PDB file of N, CA and C in Angstrom:
ATOM      1  N   UNK A   1     -26.708  -1.949 -31.341  1.00  0.00           N
ATOM      2  CA  UNK A   1     -28.042  -1.555 -31.672  1.00  0.00           C
ATOM      3  C   UNK A   1     -28.246  -1.802 -33.165  1.00  0.00           C
ATOM      4  N   UNK A   2     -29.361  -2.347 -33.541  1.00  0.00           N
ATOM      5  CA  UNK A   2     -29.639  -2.655 -34.943  1.00  0.00           C
ATOM      6  C   UNK A   2     -30.650  -1.656 -35.468  1.00  0.00           C
ATOM      7  N   UNK A   3     -30.321  -0.998 -36.567  1.00  0.00           N
ATOM      8  CA  UNK A   3     -31.213  -0.026 -37.181  1.00  0.00           C
ATOM      9  C   UNK A   3     -31.872  -0.595 -38.418  1.00  0.00           C
ATOM     10  N   UNK A   4     -32.194   0.271 -39.341  1.00  0.00           N
ATOM     11  CA  UNK A   4     -32.891  -0.138 -40.552  1.00  0.00           C
ATOM     12  C   UNK A   4     -32.003  -1.033 -41.411  1.00  0.00           C
ATOM     13  N   UNK A   5     -32.619  -1.949 -42.112  1.00  0.00           N
ATOM     14  CA  UNK A   5     -31.958  -2.816 -43.085  1.00  0.00           C
ATOM     15  C   UNK A   5     -30.687  -3.464 -42.535  1.00  0.00           C
ATOM     16  N   UNK A   6     -30.683  -3.832 -41.288  1.00  0.00           N
ATOM     17  CA  UNK A   6     -29.548  -4.551 -40.743  1.00  0.00           C
ATOM     18  C   UNK A   6     -28.374  -3.680 -40.333  1.00  0.00           C
ATOM     19  N   UNK A   7     -28.516  -2.374 -40.380  1.00  0.00           N
ATOM     20  CA  UNK A   7     -27.440  -1.485 -39.948  1.00  0.00           C
ATOM     21  C   UNK A   7     -27.171  -1.715 -38.468  1.00  0.00           C
ATOM     22  N   UNK A   8     -25.899  -1.841 -38.119  1.00  0.00           N
ATOM     23  CA  UNK A   8     -25.517  -2.027 -36.719  1.00  0.00           C
ATOM     24  C   UNK A   8     -24.627  -0.867 -36.297  1.00  0.00           C
ATOM     25  N   UNK A   9     -25.018  -0.194 -35.212  1.00  0.00           N
ATOM     26  CA  UNK A   9     -24.242   0.920 -34.678  1.00  0.00           C
ATOM     27  C   UNK A   9     -23.630   0.547 -33.339  1.00  0.00           C
ATOM     28  N   UNK A  10     -22.389   0.982 -33.148  1.00  0.00           N
ATOM     29  CA  UNK A  10     -21.672   0.757 -31.894  1.00  0.00           C
ATOM     30  C   UNK A  10     -20.924   2.042 -31.561  1.00  0.00           C
ATOM     31  N   UNK A  11     -20.772   2.334 -30.273  1.00  0.00           N
ATOM     32  CA  UNK A  11     -20.061   3.538 -29.852  1.00  0.00           C
ATOM     33  C   UNK A  11     -18.892   3.160 -28.950  1.00  0.00           C
ATOM     34  N   UNK A  12     -17.730   3.747 -29.238  1.00  0.00           N
ATOM     35  CA  UNK A  12     -16.514   3.493 -28.468  1.00  0.00           C
ATOM     36  C   UNK A  12     -15.749   4.797 -28.312  1.00  0.00           C
ATOM     37  N   UNK A  13     -15.000   4.894 -27.240  1.00  0.00           N
ATOM     38  CA  UNK A  13     -14.066   6.013 -27.080  1.00  0.00           C
ATOM     39  C   UNK A  13     -12.699   5.547 -27.593  1.00  0.00           C
ATOM     40  N   UNK A  14     -12.122   6.349 -28.455  1.00  0.00           N
ATOM     41  CA  UNK A  14     -10.804   6.038 -28.999  1.00  0.00           C
ATOM     42  C   UNK A  14      -9.839   7.125 -28.555  1.00  0.00           C
ATOM     43  N   UNK A  15      -8.714   6.732 -28.022  1.00  0.00           N
ATOM     44  CA  UNK A  15      -7.706   7.667 -27.509  1.00  0.00           C
ATOM     45  C   UNK A  15      -8.278   8.609 -26.462  1.00  0.00           C
ATOM     46  N   UNK A  16      -9.308   8.181 -25.742  1.00  0.00           N
ATOM     47  CA  UNK A  16      -9.903   9.009 -24.699  1.00  0.00           C
ATOM     48  C   UNK A  16     -10.705  10.181 -25.223  1.00  0.00           C
ATOM     49  N   UNK A  17     -10.889  10.264 -26.532  1.00  0.00           N
ATOM     50  CA  UNK A  17     -11.643  11.360 -27.139  1.00  0.00           C
ATOM     51  C   UNK A  17     -13.142  11.120 -27.033  1.00  0.00           C
ATOM     52  N   UNK A  18     -13.880  11.972 -27.701  1.00  0.00           N
ATOM     53  CA  UNK A  18     -15.326  11.812 -27.787  1.00  0.00           C
ATOM     54  C   UNK A  18     -15.654  10.435 -28.343  1.00  0.00           C
ATOM     55  N   UNK A  19     -16.850   9.957 -28.055  1.00  0.00           N
ATOM     56  CA  UNK A  19     -17.232   8.655 -28.611  1.00  0.00           C
ATOM     57  C   UNK A  19     -17.218   8.666 -30.141  1.00  0.00           C
ATOM     58  N   UNK A  20     -16.742   7.576 -30.660  1.00  0.00           N
ATOM     59  CA  UNK A  20     -16.777   7.353 -32.103  1.00  0.00           C
ATOM     60  C   UNK A  20     -17.929   6.412 -32.402  1.00  0.00           C
ATOM     61  N   UNK A  21     -18.594   6.636 -33.506  1.00  0.00           N
ATOM     62  CA  UNK A  21     -19.609   5.729 -34.005  1.00  0.00           C
ATOM     63  C   UNK A  21     -18.922   4.732 -34.933  1.00  0.00           C
ATOM     64  N   UNK A  22     -19.183   3.462 -34.723  1.00  0.00           N
ATOM     65  CA  UNK A  22     -18.747   2.431 -35.667  1.00  0.00           C
ATOM     66  C   UNK A  22     -20.024   1.812 -36.222  1.00  0.00           C
ATOM     67  N   UNK A  23     -20.215   1.949 -37.515  1.00  0.00           N
ATOM     68  CA  UNK A  23     -21.451   1.506 -38.166  1.00  0.00           C
ATOM     69  C   UNK A  23     -21.138   0.463 -39.225  1.00  0.00           C
ATOM     70  N   UNK A  24     -21.868  -0.639 -39.159  1.00  0.00           N
ATOM     71  CA  UNK A  24     -21.820  -1.680 -40.188  1.00  0.00           C
ATOM     72  C   UNK A  24     -23.087  -1.513 -41.014  1.00  0.00           C
ATOM     73  N   UNK A  25     -22.918  -1.194 -42.283  1.00  0.00           N
ATOM     74  CA  UNK A  25     -24.054  -0.947 -43.154  1.00  0.00           C
ATOM     75  C   UNK A  25     -23.609  -1.155 -44.600  1.00  0.00           C
ATOM     76  N   UNK A  26     -24.539  -1.103 -45.514  1.00  0.00           N
ATOM     77  CA  UNK A  26     -24.199  -1.255 -46.927  1.00  0.00           C
ATOM     78  C   UNK A  26     -23.423  -0.031 -47.392  1.00  0.00           C
ATOM     79  N   UNK A  27     -22.325  -0.281 -48.075  1.00  0.00           N
ATOM     80  CA  UNK A  27     -21.542   0.801 -48.678  1.00  0.00           C
ATOM     81  C   UNK A  27     -21.623   0.676 -50.184  1.00  0.00           C
ATOM     82  N   UNK A  28     -21.804   1.796 -50.832  1.00  0.00           N
ATOM     83  CA  UNK A  28     -21.813   1.803 -52.293  1.00  0.00           C
ATOM     84  C   UNK A  28     -20.410   2.168 -52.771  1.00  0.00           C
ATOM     85  N   UNK A  29     -20.052   1.690 -53.941  1.00  0.00           N
ATOM     86  CA  UNK A  29     -18.723   1.966 -54.464  1.00  0.00           C
ATOM     87  C   UNK A  29     -17.765   0.841 -54.123  1.00  0.00           C
ATOM     88  N   UNK A  30     -16.486   1.129 -54.221  1.00  0.00           N
ATOM     89  CA  UNK A  30     -15.476   0.089 -54.066  1.00  0.00           C
ATOM     90  C   UNK A  30     -14.887  -0.008 -52.671  1.00  0.00           C
ATOM     91  N   UNK A  31     -15.137   0.967 -51.819  1.00  0.00           N
ATOM     92  CA  UNK A  31     -14.549   0.959 -50.473  1.00  0.00           C
ATOM     93  C   UNK A  31     -15.255  -0.063 -49.577  1.00  0.00           C
ATOM     94  N   UNK A  32     -14.459  -0.761 -48.774  1.00  0.00           N
ATOM     95  CA  UNK A  32     -15.007  -1.682 -47.767  1.00  0.00           C
ATOM     96  C   UNK A  32     -15.175  -0.984 -46.427  1.00  0.00           C
ATOM     97  N   UNK A  33     -14.466   0.128 -46.233  1.00  0.00           N
ATOM     98  CA  UNK A  33     -14.555   0.877 -44.992  1.00  0.00           C
ATOM     99  C   UNK A  33     -14.111   2.312 -45.199  1.00  0.00           C
ATOM    100  N   UNK A  34     -14.662   3.209 -44.372  1.00  0.00           N
ATOM    101  CA  UNK A  34     -14.335   4.633 -44.455  1.00  0.00           C
ATOM    102  C   UNK A  34     -14.210   5.167 -43.032  1.00  0.00           C
ATOM    103  N   UNK A  35     -13.177   5.974 -42.787  1.00  0.00           N
ATOM    104  CA  UNK A  35     -13.019   6.643 -41.503  1.00  0.00           C
ATOM    105  C   UNK A  35     -13.207   8.137 -41.697  1.00  0.00           C
ATOM    106  N   UNK A  36     -14.137   8.697 -40.931  1.00  0.00           N
ATOM    107  CA  UNK A  36     -14.350  10.137 -40.897  1.00  0.00           C
ATOM    108  C   UNK A  36     -13.681  10.619 -39.618  1.00  0.00           C
ATOM    109  N   UNK A  37     -12.595  11.374 -39.734  1.00  0.00           N
ATOM    110  CA  UNK A  37     -11.721  11.688 -38.613  1.00  0.00           C
ATOM    111  C   UNK A  37     -12.363  12.599 -37.579  1.00  0.00           C
ATOM    112  N   UNK A  38     -11.579  12.839 -36.534  1.00  0.00           N
ATOM    113  CA  UNK A  38     -12.003  13.714 -35.437  1.00  0.00           C
ATOM    114  C   UNK A  38     -12.369  15.106 -35.927  1.00  0.00           C
ATOM    115  N   UNK A  39     -11.841  15.510 -37.069  1.00  0.00           N
ATOM    116  CA  UNK A  39     -12.111  16.852 -37.579  1.00  0.00           C
ATOM    117  C   UNK A  39     -13.538  16.987 -38.112  1.00  0.00           C
ATOM    118  N   UNK A  40     -14.187  15.862 -38.383  1.00  0.00           N
ATOM    119  CA  UNK A  40     -15.570  15.924 -38.857  1.00  0.00           C
ATOM    120  C   UNK A  40     -16.492  16.164 -37.661  1.00  0.00           C
ATOM    121  N   UNK A  41     -17.722  16.585 -37.929  1.00  0.00           N
ATOM    122  CA  UNK A  41     -18.675  16.847 -36.846  1.00  0.00           C
ATOM    123  C   UNK A  41     -18.904  15.619 -35.986  1.00  0.00           C
ATOM    124  N   UNK A  42     -19.011  14.478 -36.628  1.00  0.00           N
ATOM    125  CA  UNK A  42     -19.252  13.218 -35.925  1.00  0.00           C
ATOM    126  C   UNK A  42     -18.186  12.216 -36.344  1.00  0.00           C
ATOM    127  N   UNK A  43     -17.131  12.044 -35.556  1.00  0.00           N
ATOM    128  CA  UNK A  43     -16.120  11.057 -35.928  1.00  0.00           C
ATOM    129  C   UNK A  43     -16.758   9.667 -36.009  1.00  0.00           C
ATOM    130  N   UNK A  44     -16.502   8.978 -37.102  1.00  0.00           N
ATOM    131  CA  UNK A  44     -17.142   7.675 -37.289  1.00  0.00           C
ATOM    132  C   UNK A  44     -16.363   6.812 -38.262  1.00  0.00           C
ATOM    133  N   UNK A  45     -16.624   5.522 -38.125  1.00  0.00           N
ATOM    134  CA  UNK A  45     -16.083   4.514 -39.028  1.00  0.00           C
ATOM    135  C   UNK A  45     -17.271   3.774 -39.599  1.00  0.00           C
ATOM    136  N   UNK A  46     -17.279   3.619 -40.905  1.00  0.00           N
ATOM    137  CA  UNK A  46     -18.356   2.898 -41.578  1.00  0.00           C
ATOM    138  C   UNK A  46     -17.734   1.707 -42.298  1.00  0.00           C
ATOM    139  N   UNK A  47     -18.287   0.516 -42.025  1.00  0.00           N
ATOM    140  CA  UNK A  47     -17.777  -0.732 -42.600  1.00  0.00           C
ATOM    141  C   UNK A  47     -18.895  -1.410 -43.381  1.00  0.00           C
ATOM    142  N   UNK A  48     -18.556  -1.938 -44.551  1.00  0.00           N
ATOM    143  CA  UNK A  48     -19.547  -2.645 -45.370  1.00  0.00           C
ATOM    144  C   UNK A  48     -20.041  -3.881 -44.618  1.00  0.00           C
ATOM    145  N   UNK A  49     -21.349  -3.977 -44.443  1.00  0.00           N
ATOM    146  CA  UNK A  49     -21.936  -5.053 -43.630  1.00  0.00           C
ATOM    147  C   UNK A  49     -21.901  -6.431 -44.281  1.00  0.00           C
ATOM    148  N   UNK A  50     -21.532  -6.510 -45.563  1.00  0.00           N
ATOM    149  CA  UNK A  50     -21.475  -7.816 -46.228  1.00  0.00           C
ATOM    150  C   UNK A  50     -20.171  -8.562 -45.918  1.00  0.00           C
ATOM    151  N   UNK A  51     -19.194  -7.875 -45.347  1.00  0.00           N
ATOM    152  CA  UNK A  51     -17.916  -8.516 -45.038  1.00  0.00           C
ATOM    153  C   UNK A  51     -18.068  -9.500 -43.888  1.00  0.00           C
ATOM    154  N   UNK A  52     -17.287 -10.580 -43.935  1.00  0.00           N
ATOM    155  CA  UNK A  52     -17.341 -11.609 -42.894  1.00  0.00           C
ATOM    156  C   UNK A  52     -15.936 -12.070 -42.544  1.00  0.00           C
ATOM    157  N   UNK A  53     -15.810 -12.738 -41.416  1.00  0.00           N
ATOM    158  CA  UNK A  53     -14.580 -13.402 -41.011  1.00  0.00           C
ATOM    159  C   UNK A  53     -13.376 -12.492 -40.962  1.00  0.00           C
ATOM    160  N   UNK A  54     -12.232 -13.031 -41.391  1.00  0.00           N
ATOM    161  CA  UNK A  54     -10.973 -12.294 -41.322  1.00  0.00           C
ATOM    162  C   UNK A  54     -11.021 -11.017 -42.149  1.00  0.00           C
ATOM    163  N   UNK A  55     -11.691 -11.039 -43.273  1.00  0.00           N
ATOM    164  CA  UNK A  55     -11.756  -9.844 -44.115  1.00  0.00           C
ATOM    165  C   UNK A  55     -12.442  -8.700 -43.368  1.00  0.00           C
ATOM    166  N   UNK A  56     -13.543  -8.997 -42.694  1.00  0.00           N
ATOM    167  CA  UNK A  56     -14.261  -7.979 -41.913  1.00  0.00           C
ATOM    168  C   UNK A  56     -13.364  -7.442 -40.792  1.00  0.00           C
ATOM    169  N   UNK A  57     -12.681  -8.339 -40.094  1.00  0.00           N
ATOM    170  CA  UNK A  57     -11.793  -7.937 -39.010  1.00  0.00           C
ATOM    171  C   UNK A  57     -10.641  -7.085 -39.540  1.00  0.00           C
ATOM    172  N   UNK A  58     -10.053  -7.480 -40.657  1.00  0.00           N
ATOM    173  CA  UNK A  58      -8.943  -6.732 -41.243  1.00  0.00           C
ATOM    174  C   UNK A  58      -9.372  -5.313 -41.599  1.00  0.00           C
ATOM    175  N   UNK A  59     -10.536  -5.159 -42.205  1.00  0.00           N
ATOM    176  CA  UNK A  59     -11.025  -3.834 -42.588  1.00  0.00           C
ATOM    177  C   UNK A  59     -11.339  -3.009 -41.342  1.00  0.00           C
ATOM    178  N   UNK A  60     -11.971  -3.621 -40.340  1.00  0.00           N
ATOM    179  CA  UNK A  60     -12.264  -2.900 -39.099  1.00  0.00           C
ATOM    180  C   UNK A  60     -10.967  -2.420 -38.441  1.00  0.00           C
ATOM    181  N   UNK A  61      -9.985  -3.279 -38.321  1.00  0.00           N
ATOM    182  CA  UNK A  61      -8.710  -2.893 -37.721  1.00  0.00           C
ATOM    183  C   UNK A  61      -8.033  -1.791 -38.535  1.00  0.00           C
ATOM    184  N   UNK A  62      -8.069  -1.913 -39.838  1.00  0.00           N
ATOM    185  CA  UNK A  62      -7.493  -0.894 -40.735  1.00  0.00           C
ATOM    186  C   UNK A  62      -8.119   0.470 -40.446  1.00  0.00           C
ATOM    187  N   UNK A  63      -9.433   0.518 -40.384  1.00  0.00           N
ATOM    188  CA  UNK A  63     -10.124   1.790 -40.149  1.00  0.00           C
ATOM    189  C   UNK A  63      -9.895   2.305 -38.734  1.00  0.00           C
ATOM    190  N   UNK A  64      -9.842   1.409 -37.746  1.00  0.00           N
ATOM    191  CA  UNK A  64      -9.526   1.823 -36.379  1.00  0.00           C
ATOM    192  C   UNK A  64      -8.133   2.431 -36.301  1.00  0.00           C
ATOM    193  N   UNK A  65      -7.189   1.843 -37.019  1.00  0.00           N
ATOM    194  CA  UNK A  65      -5.835   2.394 -37.047  1.00  0.00           C
ATOM    195  C   UNK A  65      -5.819   3.797 -37.652  1.00  0.00           C
ATOM    196  N   UNK A  66      -6.622   4.032 -38.686  1.00  0.00           N
ATOM    197  CA  UNK A  66      -6.739   5.381 -39.248  1.00  0.00           C
ATOM    198  C   UNK A  66      -7.279   6.350 -38.195  1.00  0.00           C
ATOM    199  N   UNK A  67      -8.266   5.895 -37.418  1.00  0.00           N
ATOM    200  CA  UNK A  67      -8.868   6.757 -36.402  1.00  0.00           C
ATOM    201  C   UNK A  67      -7.873   7.087 -35.287  1.00  0.00           C
ATOM    202  N   UNK A  68      -7.104   6.103 -34.867  1.00  0.00           N
ATOM    203  CA  UNK A  68      -6.185   6.273 -33.741  1.00  0.00           C
ATOM    204  C   UNK A  68      -4.891   6.968 -34.163  1.00  0.00           C
ATOM    205  N   UNK A  69      -4.435   6.684 -35.372  1.00  0.00           N
ATOM    206  CA  UNK A  69      -3.188   7.254 -35.886  1.00  0.00           C
ATOM    207  C   UNK A  69      -3.449   7.974 -37.216  1.00  0.00           C
ATOM    208  N   UNK A  70      -4.143   9.111 -37.190  1.00  0.00           N
ATOM    209  CA  UNK A  70      -4.561   9.758 -38.445  1.00  0.00           C
ATOM    210  C   UNK A  70      -3.415  10.214 -39.343  1.00  0.00           C
ATOM    211  N   UNK A  71      -2.226  10.437 -38.794  1.00  0.00           N
ATOM    212  CA  UNK A  71      -1.103  10.880 -39.623  1.00  0.00           C
ATOM    213  C   UNK A  71      -0.283   9.732 -40.195  1.00  0.00           C
ATOM    214  N   UNK A  72      -0.602   8.500 -39.817  1.00  0.00           N
ATOM    215  CA  UNK A  72       0.191   7.347 -40.277  1.00  0.00           C
ATOM    216  C   UNK A  72       0.061   7.151 -41.783  1.00  0.00           C
ATOM    217  N   UNK A  73       1.140   6.707 -42.378  1.00  0.00           N
ATOM    218  CA  UNK A  73       1.184   6.423 -43.804  1.00  0.00           C
ATOM    219  C   UNK A  73       0.252   5.255 -44.137  1.00  0.00           C
ATOM    220  N   UNK A  74      -0.410   5.329 -45.266  1.00  0.00           N
ATOM    221  CA  UNK A  74      -1.367   4.292 -45.673  1.00  0.00           C
ATOM    222  C   UNK A  74      -0.724   2.908 -45.733  1.00  0.00           C
ATOM    223  N   UNK A  75       0.510   2.821 -46.193  1.00  0.00           N
ATOM    224  CA  UNK A  75       1.155   1.507 -46.283  1.00  0.00           C
ATOM    225  C   UNK A  75       1.379   0.900 -44.895  1.00  0.00           C
ATOM    226  N   UNK A  76       1.674   1.733 -43.906  1.00  0.00           N
ATOM    227  CA  UNK A  76       1.845   1.258 -42.532  1.00  0.00           C
ATOM    228  C   UNK A  76       0.508   0.775 -41.979  1.00  0.00           C
ATOM    229  N   UNK A  77      -0.540   1.537 -42.200  1.00  0.00           N
ATOM    230  CA  UNK A  77      -1.893   1.163 -41.758  1.00  0.00           C
ATOM    231  C   UNK A  77      -2.306  -0.159 -42.394  1.00  0.00           C
ATOM    232  N   UNK A  78      -2.082  -0.276 -43.686  1.00  0.00           N
ATOM    233  CA  UNK A  78      -2.459  -1.484 -44.437  1.00  0.00           C
ATOM    234  C   UNK A  78      -1.783  -2.725 -43.857  1.00  0.00           C
ATOM    235  N   UNK A  79      -0.477  -2.654 -43.670  1.00  0.00           N
ATOM    236  CA  UNK A  79       0.254  -3.813 -43.161  1.00  0.00           C
ATOM    237  C   UNK A  79      -0.113  -4.117 -41.710  1.00  0.00           C
ATOM    238  N   UNK A  80      -0.228  -3.086 -40.881  1.00  0.00           N
ATOM    239  CA  UNK A  80      -0.569  -3.292 -39.471  1.00  0.00           C
ATOM    240  C   UNK A  80      -1.946  -3.936 -39.331  1.00  0.00           C
ATOM    241  N   UNK A  81      -2.912  -3.505 -40.133  1.00  0.00           N
ATOM    242  CA  UNK A  81      -4.251  -4.102 -40.097  1.00  0.00           C
ATOM    243  C   UNK A  81      -4.220  -5.579 -40.436  1.00  0.00           C
ATOM    244  N   UNK A  82      -3.470  -5.923 -41.472  1.00  0.00           N
ATOM    245  CA  UNK A  82      -3.346  -7.330 -41.874  1.00  0.00           C
ATOM    246  C   UNK A  82      -2.642  -8.159 -40.795  1.00  0.00           C
ATOM    247  N   UNK A  83      -1.559  -7.609 -40.248  1.00  0.00           N
ATOM    248  CA  UNK A  83      -0.806  -8.332 -39.225  1.00  0.00           C
ATOM    249  C   UNK A  83      -1.647  -8.567 -37.969  1.00  0.00           C
ATOM    250  N   UNK A  84      -2.314  -7.526 -37.499  1.00  0.00           N
ATOM    251  CA  UNK A  84      -3.166  -7.660 -36.305  1.00  0.00           C
ATOM    252  C   UNK A  84      -4.290  -8.665 -36.544  1.00  0.00           C
ATOM    253  N   UNK A  85      -4.893  -8.604 -37.708  1.00  0.00           N
ATOM    254  CA  UNK A  85      -5.974  -9.525 -38.041  1.00  0.00           C
ATOM    255  C   UNK A  85      -5.489 -10.970 -38.017  1.00  0.00           C
ATOM    256  N   UNK A  86      -4.313 -11.216 -38.583  1.00  0.00           N
ATOM    257  CA  UNK A  86      -3.767 -12.579 -38.614  1.00  0.00           C
ATOM    258  C   UNK A  86      -3.501 -13.093 -37.199  1.00  0.00           C
ATOM    259  N   UNK A  87      -2.911 -12.261 -36.356  1.00  0.00           N
ATOM    260  CA  UNK A  87      -2.630 -12.672 -34.977  1.00  0.00           C
ATOM    261  C   UNK A  87      -3.924 -12.972 -34.230  1.00  0.00           C
ATOM    262  N   UNK A  88      -4.896 -12.093 -34.331  1.00  0.00           N
ATOM    263  CA  UNK A  88      -6.166 -12.270 -33.607  1.00  0.00           C
ATOM    264  C   UNK A  88      -6.913 -13.499 -34.097  1.00  0.00           C
ATOM    265  N   UNK A  89      -7.006 -13.670 -35.417  1.00  0.00           N
ATOM    266  CA  UNK A  89      -7.744 -14.835 -35.924  1.00  0.00           C
ATOM    267  C   UNK A  89      -7.043 -16.141 -35.568  1.00  0.00           C
ATOM    268  N   UNK A  90      -5.729 -16.126 -35.518  1.00  0.00           N
ATOM    269  CA  UNK A  90      -4.981 -17.333 -35.149  1.00  0.00           C
ATOM    270  C   UNK A  90      -5.137 -17.652 -33.666  1.00  0.00           C
ATOM    271  N   UNK A  91      -4.952 -16.653 -32.821  1.00  0.00           N
ATOM    272  CA  UNK A  91      -5.024 -16.884 -31.377  1.00  0.00           C
ATOM    273  C   UNK A  91      -6.432 -17.239 -30.896  1.00  0.00           C
ATOM    274  N   UNK A  92      -7.435 -16.672 -31.564  1.00  0.00           N
ATOM    275  CA  UNK A  92      -8.816 -16.905 -31.134  1.00  0.00           C
ATOM    276  C   UNK A  92      -9.566 -17.860 -32.037  1.00  0.00           C
ATOM    277  N   UNK A  93      -8.842 -18.543 -32.920  1.00  0.00           N
ATOM    278  CA  UNK A  93      -9.401 -19.590 -33.782  1.00  0.00           C
ATOM    279  C   UNK A  93     -10.625 -19.108 -34.562  1.00  0.00           C
ATOM    280  N   UNK A  94     -10.511 -17.919 -35.132  1.00  0.00           N
ATOM    281  CA  UNK A  94     -11.587 -17.361 -35.958  1.00  0.00           C
ATOM    282  C   UNK A  94     -11.376 -17.885 -37.372  1.00  0.00           C
ATOM    283  N   UNK A  95     -12.394 -18.448 -37.955  1.00  0.00           N
ATOM    284  CA  UNK A  95     -12.293 -18.974 -39.308  1.00  0.00           C
ATOM    285  C   UNK A  95     -12.164 -17.820 -40.290  1.00  0.00           C
ATOM    286  N   UNK A  96     -11.119 -17.812 -41.108  1.00  0.00           N
ATOM    287  CA  UNK A  96     -10.923 -16.723 -42.062  1.00  0.00           C
ATOM    288  C   UNK A  96     -11.808 -16.871 -43.300  1.00  0.00           C
ATOM    289  N   UNK A  97     -13.037 -16.438 -43.207  1.00  0.00           N
ATOM    290  CA  UNK A  97     -13.949 -16.469 -44.367  1.00  0.00           C
ATOM    291  C   UNK A  97     -13.776 -15.174 -45.129  1.00  0.00           C
ATOM    292  N   UNK A  98     -13.239 -15.263 -46.332  1.00  0.00           N
ATOM    293  CA  UNK A  98     -13.022 -14.040 -47.103  1.00  0.00           C
ATOM    294  C   UNK A  98     -13.845 -14.047 -48.348  1.00  0.00           C
TER     295      UNK A  98
END
């Protein structure tokens, strides 16, 4: 669903829990993505909408990993996001536009 100024909202169930909102929209500051965990009123992931290609996929996977494995160490999340992104972009011939 497309909202104001190009905002895109998507809903998914993660780990069989309540639906999570995944929103692509403009983010201010230095973060490319933010995960608001299950403990928040509305669990959601927000991704900067200017990202494209492999970079966008890497950030999305990184934030999804935070949502699914909230206790995981940041370094593990970081590496897993990069590794998954590389495998997916290679297998599905996605051009890595960063």
